[in-house]
Amino acid sequence: KREVECLIKLFDTLVAESSSRFAAAGFDRNMFRDTLHGAFGMTDDMIMDRVFRTFDRDNDSCISVVEWVEGLSVFLRGTLEERIKYCFEVYDLNGDGYISREEMFQMLKNSLLKQPSEEDPDEGIKDLVDIALKKMDYDHDGKLSFMDFEKAVRDENLLLEAFGPCLPDIK
């Protein structure tokens, strides 16, 4: 109860500091990204955008206090099961229930540092996507279903954030 009250207080404080037109209802996308960046050191715009969408359950482009508390509950303290579901949602860019080869490529291209010496950095990323599919695509259909993703993460927990950091670090 105390933690929820603290989260609500924090929400109210952040909303009060905001000059957004959504402030009465909650966080807009920019405010949420500023919070993710400030509090959790997130820098990847694509991932922050996806995190916003997973928090924004009713798709009204505004995070209400309920969405804030429920989202942070999984984000900060979720069980492995909840975090697997959350990460899968973040990575399923088009919401079709699969993480496709193209979605993996897009996220990895976005989250990896470019090496100026590389001839074609896309080749290395394609190789990473192939490795990820070899390791995680249990039904060999060329894309990751939730069941593929869940099994891979249960076998190897480090794969939870395989396509970009979307959870806070330990500290």
C-alpha atoms as a PDB file:
ATOM      1  CA  LYS A   1       0.000   0.000   0.000  1.00  0.00           C
ATOM      2  CA  ARG A   2       2.810   2.395   0.922  1.00  0.00           C
ATOM      3  CA  GLU A   3       4.613   1.795  -2.377  1.00  0.00           C
ATOM      4  CA  VAL A   4       1.449   2.435  -4.390  1.00  0.00           C
ATOM      5  CA  GLU A   5       0.875   5.661  -2.449  1.00  0.00           C
ATOM      6  CA  CYS A   6       4.463   6.717  -3.233  1.00  0.00           C
ATOM      7  CA  LEU A   7       3.952   5.992  -6.931  1.00  0.00           C
ATOM      8  CA  ILE A   8       0.744   8.053  -6.927  1.00  0.00           C
ATOM      9  CA  LYS A   9       2.546  10.931  -5.167  1.00  0.00           C
ATOM     10  CA  LEU A  10       5.366  10.760  -7.713  1.00  0.00           C
ATOM     11  CA  PHE A  11       2.823  10.744 -10.536  1.00  0.00           C
ATOM     12  CA  ASP A  12       1.084  13.817  -9.092  1.00  0.00           C
ATOM     13  CA  THR A  13       4.404  15.625  -8.640  1.00  0.00           C
ATOM     14  CA  LEU A  14       5.534  14.902 -12.196  1.00  0.00           C
ATOM     15  CA  VAL A  15       2.164  15.895 -13.641  1.00  0.00           C
ATOM     16  CA  ALA A  16       2.170  19.128 -11.605  1.00  0.00           C
ATOM     17  CA  GLU A  17       5.604  20.034 -13.043  1.00  0.00           C
ATOM     18  CA  SER A  18       4.383  19.422 -16.561  1.00  0.00           C
ATOM     19  CA  SER A  19       3.043  22.097 -18.846  1.00  0.00           C
ATOM     20  CA  SER A  20       1.390  19.525 -21.078  1.00  0.00           C
ATOM     21  CA  ARG A  21      -2.197  19.855 -22.232  1.00  0.00           C
ATOM     22  CA  PHE A  22      -2.693  16.271 -20.987  1.00  0.00           C
ATOM     23  CA  ALA A  23      -1.571  17.223 -17.477  1.00  0.00           C
ATOM     24  CA  ALA A  24      -5.098  16.973 -16.046  1.00  0.00           C
ATOM     25  CA  ALA A  25      -5.388  13.370 -17.258  1.00  0.00           C
ATOM     26  CA  GLY A  26      -1.787  12.214 -16.914  1.00  0.00           C
ATOM     27  CA  PHE A  27       1.434  11.778 -18.877  1.00  0.00           C
ATOM     28  CA  ASP A  28       1.794  12.403 -22.558  1.00  0.00           C
ATOM     29  CA  ARG A  29       4.466  10.588 -24.579  1.00  0.00           C
ATOM     30  CA  ASN A  30       7.164  13.277 -24.154  1.00  0.00           C
ATOM     31  CA  MET A  31       6.700  13.568 -20.427  1.00  0.00           C
ATOM     32  CA  PHE A  32       6.823   9.799 -20.082  1.00  0.00           C
ATOM     33  CA  ARG A  33      10.018   9.598 -22.157  1.00  0.00           C
ATOM     34  CA  ASP A  34      11.628  12.322 -20.024  1.00  0.00           C
ATOM     35  CA  THR A  35      10.730  10.287 -16.928  1.00  0.00           C
ATOM     36  CA  LEU A  36      12.100   7.028 -18.389  1.00  0.00           C
ATOM     37  CA  HIS A  37      15.284   8.820 -19.370  1.00  0.00           C
ATOM     38  CA  GLY A  38      15.701  10.685 -16.072  1.00  0.00           C
ATOM     39  CA  ALA A  39      14.751   7.903 -13.668  1.00  0.00           C
ATOM     40  CA  PHE A  40      15.964   4.811 -15.541  1.00  0.00           C
ATOM     41  CA  GLY A  41      18.621   6.107 -17.942  1.00  0.00           C
ATOM     42  CA  MET A  42      16.765   4.908 -21.052  1.00  0.00           C
ATOM     43  CA  THR A  43      17.979   6.528 -24.249  1.00  0.00           C
ATOM     44  CA  ASP A  44      16.605   4.424 -27.107  1.00  0.00           C
ATOM     45  CA  ASP A  45      13.700   6.400 -28.608  1.00  0.00           C
ATOM     46  CA  MET A  46      12.119   3.394 -30.318  1.00  0.00           C
ATOM     47  CA  ILE A  47      12.165   1.319 -27.130  1.00  0.00           C
ATOM     48  CA  MET A  48      10.848   4.225 -25.015  1.00  0.00           C
ATOM     49  CA  ASP A  49       8.024   4.648 -27.504  1.00  0.00           C
ATOM     50  CA  ARG A  50       7.179   0.940 -27.230  1.00  0.00           C
ATOM     51  CA  VAL A  51       7.316   1.093 -23.415  1.00  0.00           C
ATOM     52  CA  PHE A  52       4.865   4.019 -23.585  1.00  0.00           C
ATOM     53  CA  ARG A  53       2.509   1.911 -25.687  1.00  0.00           C
ATOM     54  CA  THR A  54       2.642  -1.028 -23.286  1.00  0.00           C
ATOM     55  CA  PHE A  55       1.846   1.260 -20.347  1.00  0.00           C
ATOM     56  CA  ASP A  56      -0.939   3.060 -22.284  1.00  0.00           C
ATOM     57  CA  ARG A  57      -3.461   0.204 -22.074  1.00  0.00           C
ATOM     58  CA  ASP A  58      -6.439   2.159 -23.442  1.00  0.00           C
ATOM     59  CA  ASN A  59      -4.469   3.685 -26.350  1.00  0.00           C
ATOM     60  CA  ASP A  60      -5.537   7.250 -25.599  1.00  0.00           C
ATOM     61  CA  SER A  61      -1.942   8.595 -25.883  1.00  0.00           C
ATOM     62  CA  CYS A  62      -2.002   9.493 -22.216  1.00  0.00           C
ATOM     63  CA  ILE A  63      -0.828   7.496 -19.196  1.00  0.00           C
ATOM     64  CA  SER A  64      -3.348   7.714 -16.379  1.00  0.00           C
ATOM     65  CA  VAL A  65      -2.444   7.205 -12.738  1.00  0.00           C
ATOM     66  CA  VAL A  66      -3.833   3.631 -12.886  1.00  0.00           C
ATOM     67  CA  GLU A  67      -1.785   2.808 -16.010  1.00  0.00           C
ATOM     68  CA  TRP A  68       1.267   4.362 -14.306  1.00  0.00           C
ATOM     69  CA  VAL A  69       0.945   2.241 -11.149  1.00  0.00           C
ATOM     70  CA  GLU A  70       0.085  -0.979 -13.018  1.00  0.00           C
ATOM     71  CA  GLY A  71       2.848  -0.419 -15.589  1.00  0.00           C
ATOM     72  CA  LEU A  72       5.517   0.331 -12.979  1.00  0.00           C
ATOM     73  CA  SER A  73       4.395  -2.669 -10.957  1.00  0.00           C
ATOM     74  CA  VAL A  74       5.499  -4.979 -13.798  1.00  0.00           C
ATOM     75  CA  PHE A  75       8.394  -2.722 -14.862  1.00  0.00           C
ATOM     76  CA  LEU A  76       9.974  -2.605 -11.390  1.00  0.00           C
ATOM     77  CA  ARG A  77       8.705  -5.695  -9.579  1.00  0.00           C
ATOM     78  CA  GLY A  78       7.115  -7.999 -12.119  1.00  0.00           C
ATOM     79  CA  THR A  79       7.421 -11.746 -11.858  1.00  0.00           C
ATOM     80  CA  LEU A  80       9.436 -13.433 -14.594  1.00  0.00           C
ATOM     81  CA  GLU A  81       6.150 -14.354 -16.287  1.00  0.00           C
ATOM     82  CA  GLU A  82       4.935 -10.717 -16.258  1.00  0.00           C
ATOM     83  CA  ARG A  83       8.288  -9.415 -17.501  1.00  0.00           C
ATOM     84  CA  ILE A  84       8.378 -11.955 -20.343  1.00  0.00           C
ATOM     85  CA  LYS A  85       4.908 -10.820 -21.446  1.00  0.00           C
ATOM     86  CA  TYR A  86       5.899  -7.145 -21.114  1.00  0.00           C
ATOM     87  CA  CYS A  87       9.171  -7.509 -23.096  1.00  0.00           C
ATOM     88  CA  PHE A  88       7.395  -9.499 -25.804  1.00  0.00           C
ATOM     89  CA  GLU A  89       4.807  -6.700 -26.130  1.00  0.00           C
ATOM     90  CA  VAL A  90       7.563  -4.083 -26.366  1.00  0.00           C
ATOM     91  CA  TYR A  91       9.361  -6.045 -29.090  1.00  0.00           C
ATOM     92  CA  ASP A  92       6.255  -6.942 -31.123  1.00  0.00           C
ATOM     93  CA  LEU A  93       6.368  -3.621 -32.965  1.00  0.00           C
ATOM     94  CA  ASN A  94       3.239  -4.085 -35.080  1.00  0.00           C
ATOM     95  CA  GLY A  95       1.214  -5.929 -32.425  1.00  0.00           C
ATOM     96  CA  ASP A  96       0.540  -9.019 -34.565  1.00  0.00           C
ATOM     97  CA  GLY A  97       1.557 -11.505 -31.860  1.00  0.00           C
ATOM     98  CA  TYR A  98       4.971 -12.293 -33.391  1.00  0.00           C
ATOM     99  CA  ILE A  99       8.426 -10.778 -33.341  1.00  0.00           C
ATOM    100  CA  SER A 100       9.397 -10.967 -36.992  1.00  0.00           C
ATOM    101  CA  ARG A 101      12.853 -10.997 -38.540  1.00  0.00           C
ATOM    102  CA  GLU A 102      12.245  -7.369 -39.683  1.00  0.00           C
ATOM    103  CA  GLU A 103      11.229  -6.257 -36.174  1.00  0.00           C
ATOM    104  CA  MET A 104      14.358  -7.854 -34.687  1.00  0.00           C
ATOM    105  CA  PHE A 105      16.496  -6.180 -37.339  1.00  0.00           C
ATOM    106  CA  GLN A 106      14.919  -2.775 -36.673  1.00  0.00           C
ATOM    107  CA  MET A 107      15.395  -2.991 -32.898  1.00  0.00           C
ATOM    108  CA  LEU A 108      18.952  -4.321 -33.041  1.00  0.00           C
ATOM    109  CA  LYS A 109      19.955  -1.739 -35.672  1.00  0.00           C
ATOM    110  CA  ASN A 110      18.522   0.923 -33.408  1.00  0.00           C
ATOM    111  CA  SER A 111      20.124  -0.254 -30.169  1.00  0.00           C
ATOM    112  CA  LEU A 112      23.632  -1.229 -31.320  1.00  0.00           C
ATOM    113  CA  LEU A 113      26.434   1.294 -31.650  1.00  0.00           C
ATOM    114  CA  LYS A 114      27.574   1.908 -35.193  1.00  0.00           C
ATOM    115  CA  GLN A 115      31.238   1.089 -35.806  1.00  0.00           C
ATOM    116  CA  PRO A 116      32.620   3.631 -38.290  1.00  0.00           C
ATOM    117  CA  SER A 117      35.094   1.114 -39.719  1.00  0.00           C
ATOM    118  CA  GLU A 118      32.467  -1.409 -40.722  1.00  0.00           C
ATOM    119  CA  GLU A 119      31.779  -1.707 -44.432  1.00  0.00           C
ATOM    120  CA  ASP A 120      28.141  -2.701 -44.087  1.00  0.00           C
ATOM    121  CA  PRO A 121      26.930  -2.678 -40.481  1.00  0.00           C
ATOM    122  CA  ASP A 122      23.611  -4.166 -41.620  1.00  0.00           C
ATOM    123  CA  GLU A 123      25.367  -7.458 -42.406  1.00  0.00           C
ATOM    124  CA  GLY A 124      26.426  -7.897 -38.776  1.00  0.00           C
ATOM    125  CA  ILE A 125      22.901  -7.147 -37.623  1.00  0.00           C
ATOM    126  CA  LYS A 126      21.459  -9.685 -40.085  1.00  0.00           C
ATOM    127  CA  ASP A 127      23.870 -12.243 -38.597  1.00  0.00           C
ATOM    128  CA  LEU A 128      22.633 -11.398 -35.076  1.00  0.00           C
ATOM    129  CA  VAL A 129      19.023 -11.825 -36.196  1.00  0.00           C
ATOM    130  CA  ASP A 130      19.908 -15.238 -37.672  1.00  0.00           C
ATOM    131  CA  ILE A 131      21.609 -16.252 -34.407  1.00  0.00           C
ATOM    132  CA  ALA A 132      18.587 -15.069 -32.379  1.00  0.00           C
ATOM    133  CA  LEU A 133      16.209 -17.035 -34.589  1.00  0.00           C
ATOM    134  CA  LYS A 134      18.389 -20.163 -34.410  1.00  0.00           C
ATOM    135  CA  LYS A 135      18.405 -19.957 -30.622  1.00  0.00           C
ATOM    136  CA  MET A 136      14.812 -18.834 -29.998  1.00  0.00           C
ATOM    137  CA  ASP A 137      12.576 -19.977 -32.882  1.00  0.00           C
ATOM    138  CA  TYR A 138      11.570 -23.404 -31.571  1.00  0.00           C
ATOM    139  CA  ASP A 139       8.847 -24.076 -34.135  1.00  0.00           C
ATOM    140  CA  HIS A 140      11.108 -22.959 -37.023  1.00  0.00           C
ATOM    141  CA  ASP A 141       8.566 -20.687 -38.682  1.00  0.00           C
ATOM    142  CA  GLY A 142      11.003 -17.783 -39.146  1.00  0.00           C
ATOM    143  CA  LYS A 143       9.476 -15.578 -36.438  1.00  0.00           C
ATOM    144  CA  LEU A 144       9.078 -15.635 -32.662  1.00  0.00           C
ATOM    145  CA  SER A 145       5.690 -16.401 -31.187  1.00  0.00           C
ATOM    146  CA  PHE A 146       5.085 -15.667 -27.514  1.00  0.00           C
ATOM    147  CA  MET A 147       5.618 -19.378 -26.780  1.00  0.00           C
ATOM    148  CA  ASP A 148       9.005 -19.328 -28.571  1.00  0.00           C
ATOM    149  CA  PHE A 149      10.063 -16.199 -26.681  1.00  0.00           C
ATOM    150  CA  GLU A 150       8.867 -17.510 -23.317  1.00  0.00           C
ATOM    151  CA  LYS A 151      10.625 -20.872 -23.726  1.00  0.00           C
ATOM    152  CA  ALA A 152      13.874 -19.189 -24.823  1.00  0.00           C
ATOM    153  CA  VAL A 153      13.849 -16.794 -21.845  1.00  0.00           C
ATOM    154  CA  ARG A 154      13.024 -19.583 -19.376  1.00  0.00           C
ATOM    155  CA  ASP A 155      15.962 -21.593 -20.762  1.00  0.00           C
ATOM    156  CA  GLU A 156      18.256 -18.548 -20.704  1.00  0.00           C
ATOM    157  CA  ASN A 157      17.149 -15.504 -18.669  1.00  0.00           C
ATOM    158  CA  LEU A 158      19.653 -13.209 -20.389  1.00  0.00           C
ATOM    159  CA  LEU A 159      17.481 -13.370 -23.524  1.00  0.00           C
ATOM    160  CA  LEU A 160      14.700 -11.401 -21.780  1.00  0.00           C
ATOM    161  CA  GLU A 161      16.051  -8.126 -23.190  1.00  0.00           C
ATOM    162  CA  ALA A 162      17.629  -9.625 -26.312  1.00  0.00           C
ATOM    163  CA  PHE A 163      16.371  -6.896 -28.656  1.00  0.00           C
ATOM    164  CA  GLY A 164      17.044  -3.810 -26.545  1.00  0.00           C
ATOM    165  CA  PRO A 165      16.938  -2.606 -22.940  1.00  0.00           C
ATOM    166  CA  CYS A 166      13.309  -2.093 -21.935  1.00  0.00           C
ATOM    167  CA  LEU A 167      13.512  -2.809 -18.193  1.00  0.00           C
ATOM    168  CA  PRO A 168      15.315  -0.778 -15.526  1.00  0.00           C
ATOM    169  CA  ASP A 169      18.759  -1.977 -14.469  1.00  0.00           C
ATOM    170  CA  ILE A 170      19.228  -3.468 -11.007  1.00  0.00           C
ATOM    171  CA  LYS A 171      20.032  -0.196  -9.249  1.00  0.00           C
END
